[in-house]
């Protein structure tokens, strides 16, 4: 299914209708989880690009936890989540090093 489109039901069988409803519900949950993770990453990247080490430090752990939760729920693939965490940690460490100077 294309993103944002409802599940189309061709048959009126009870099992088909139930499966379509479940699919719509799971898509909504996955969309919410994905949005939560992306928003957290954007907030952290904004703090990092602004050079605000204290704000980035406060946002780092919640963002990494959100990514881990998305991996556990199957919203993000494990390698994708780990790549995000690695790159965010590297960027945070650069900001932290600049702030320490």
Protein backbone atom coordinates (compact mmCIF):
# COMPACT_ATOMS: atom_id res chain seq x y z
CA UNK A 1 0.00 0.00 0.00
CA UNK A 2 1.13 3.48 -0.71
CA UNK A 3 1.74 5.56 2.35
CA UNK A 4 -1.34 7.30 3.71
CA UNK A 5 -3.80 5.20 1.73
CA UNK A 6 -6.45 3.07 3.37
CA UNK A 7 -6.41 -0.68 3.00
CA UNK A 8 -8.74 -1.63 0.18
CA UNK A 9 -11.08 -4.54 0.79
CA UNK A 10 -12.17 -6.54 -2.22
CA UNK A 11 -14.18 -9.18 -0.40
CA UNK A 12 -16.77 -8.84 2.31
CA UNK A 13 -15.65 -11.92 4.23
CA UNK A 14 -15.52 -11.39 7.96
CA UNK A 15 -11.86 -12.43 8.19
CA UNK A 16 -10.87 -10.11 5.34
CA UNK A 17 -12.65 -7.16 6.94
CA UNK A 18 -11.05 -7.91 10.32
CA UNK A 19 -7.58 -8.19 8.78
CA UNK A 20 -8.06 -4.89 6.94
CA UNK A 21 -9.14 -3.19 10.18
CA UNK A 22 -6.12 -4.61 12.02
CA UNK A 23 -3.86 -3.44 9.22
CA UNK A 24 -5.23 0.11 9.48
CA UNK A 25 -4.78 0.10 13.26
CA UNK A 26 -1.20 -1.16 13.09
CA UNK A 27 -0.37 1.38 10.38
CA UNK A 28 -1.62 4.17 12.66
CA UNK A 29 0.45 2.90 15.62
CA UNK A 30 3.55 2.52 13.44
CA UNK A 31 3.05 6.01 12.00
CA UNK A 32 2.80 7.50 15.50
CA UNK A 33 5.94 5.69 16.66
CA UNK A 34 7.88 6.69 13.56
CA UNK A 35 6.78 10.32 13.98
CA UNK A 36 7.82 10.30 17.64
CA UNK A 37 11.30 9.05 16.75
CA UNK A 38 11.77 11.46 13.84
CA UNK A 39 10.67 14.43 15.96
CA UNK A 40 13.10 13.48 18.73
CA UNK A 41 15.93 13.14 16.21
CA UNK A 42 15.09 16.53 14.67
CA UNK A 43 15.08 18.23 18.09
CA UNK A 44 18.48 16.73 18.91
CA UNK A 45 19.96 17.64 15.52
CA UNK A 46 18.71 21.22 15.95
CA UNK A 47 20.39 21.50 19.33
CA UNK A 48 23.61 20.02 17.92
CA UNK A 49 23.65 22.31 14.89
CA UNK A 50 23.08 25.32 17.17
CA UNK A 51 26.11 24.23 19.20
CA UNK A 52 24.08 24.02 22.41
CA UNK A 53 25.87 21.26 24.33
CA UNK A 54 23.60 21.37 27.41
CA UNK A 55 20.39 21.10 25.38
CA UNK A 56 21.92 18.32 23.29
CA UNK A 57 22.96 16.48 26.47
CA UNK A 58 19.42 16.70 27.81
CA UNK A 59 17.95 15.40 24.54
CA UNK A 60 20.48 12.63 23.80
CA UNK A 61 19.24 9.90 26.19
CA UNK A 62 15.50 10.33 25.43
CA UNK A 63 16.26 10.28 21.70
CA UNK A 64 18.36 7.13 21.93
CA UNK A 65 15.65 5.51 24.06
CA UNK A 66 13.00 6.42 21.48
CA UNK A 67 15.12 4.86 18.75
CA UNK A 68 15.57 1.68 20.83
CA UNK A 69 11.82 1.49 21.45
CA UNK A 70 11.14 1.86 17.72
CA UNK A 71 13.59 -0.97 17.01
CA UNK A 72 11.91 -3.18 19.61
CA UNK A 73 8.47 -2.46 18.14
CA UNK A 74 9.63 -3.20 14.60
CA UNK A 75 9.12 0.35 13.37
CA UNK A 76 12.82 0.73 12.54
CA UNK A 77 15.20 -1.98 11.40
CA UNK A 78 17.92 -2.67 13.95
CA UNK A 79 20.78 -1.62 11.67
CA UNK A 80 18.98 1.60 10.74
CA UNK A 81 18.39 2.48 14.38
CA UNK A 82 21.97 1.71 15.31
CA UNK A 83 23.22 3.87 12.45
CA UNK A 84 21.06 6.78 13.65
CA UNK A 85 22.33 6.36 17.22
CA UNK A 86 25.95 6.18 16.12
CA UNK A 87 25.77 9.31 13.98
CA UNK A 88 23.90 11.27 16.64
CA UNK A 89 26.44 10.24 19.30
CA UNK A 90 29.34 11.29 17.06
CA UNK A 91 27.75 14.66 16.36
CA UNK A 92 27.02 15.16 20.08
CA UNK A 93 30.61 14.30 21.02
CA UNK A 94 31.89 16.93 18.56
CA UNK A 95 29.66 19.60 20.11
CA UNK A 96 30.66 18.52 23.60
CA UNK A 97 34.36 18.73 22.69
CA UNK A 98 33.92 22.22 21.20
CA UNK A 99 32.06 23.37 24.31
CA UNK A 100 34.82 22.03 26.58
CA UNK A 101 37.49 24.11 24.82
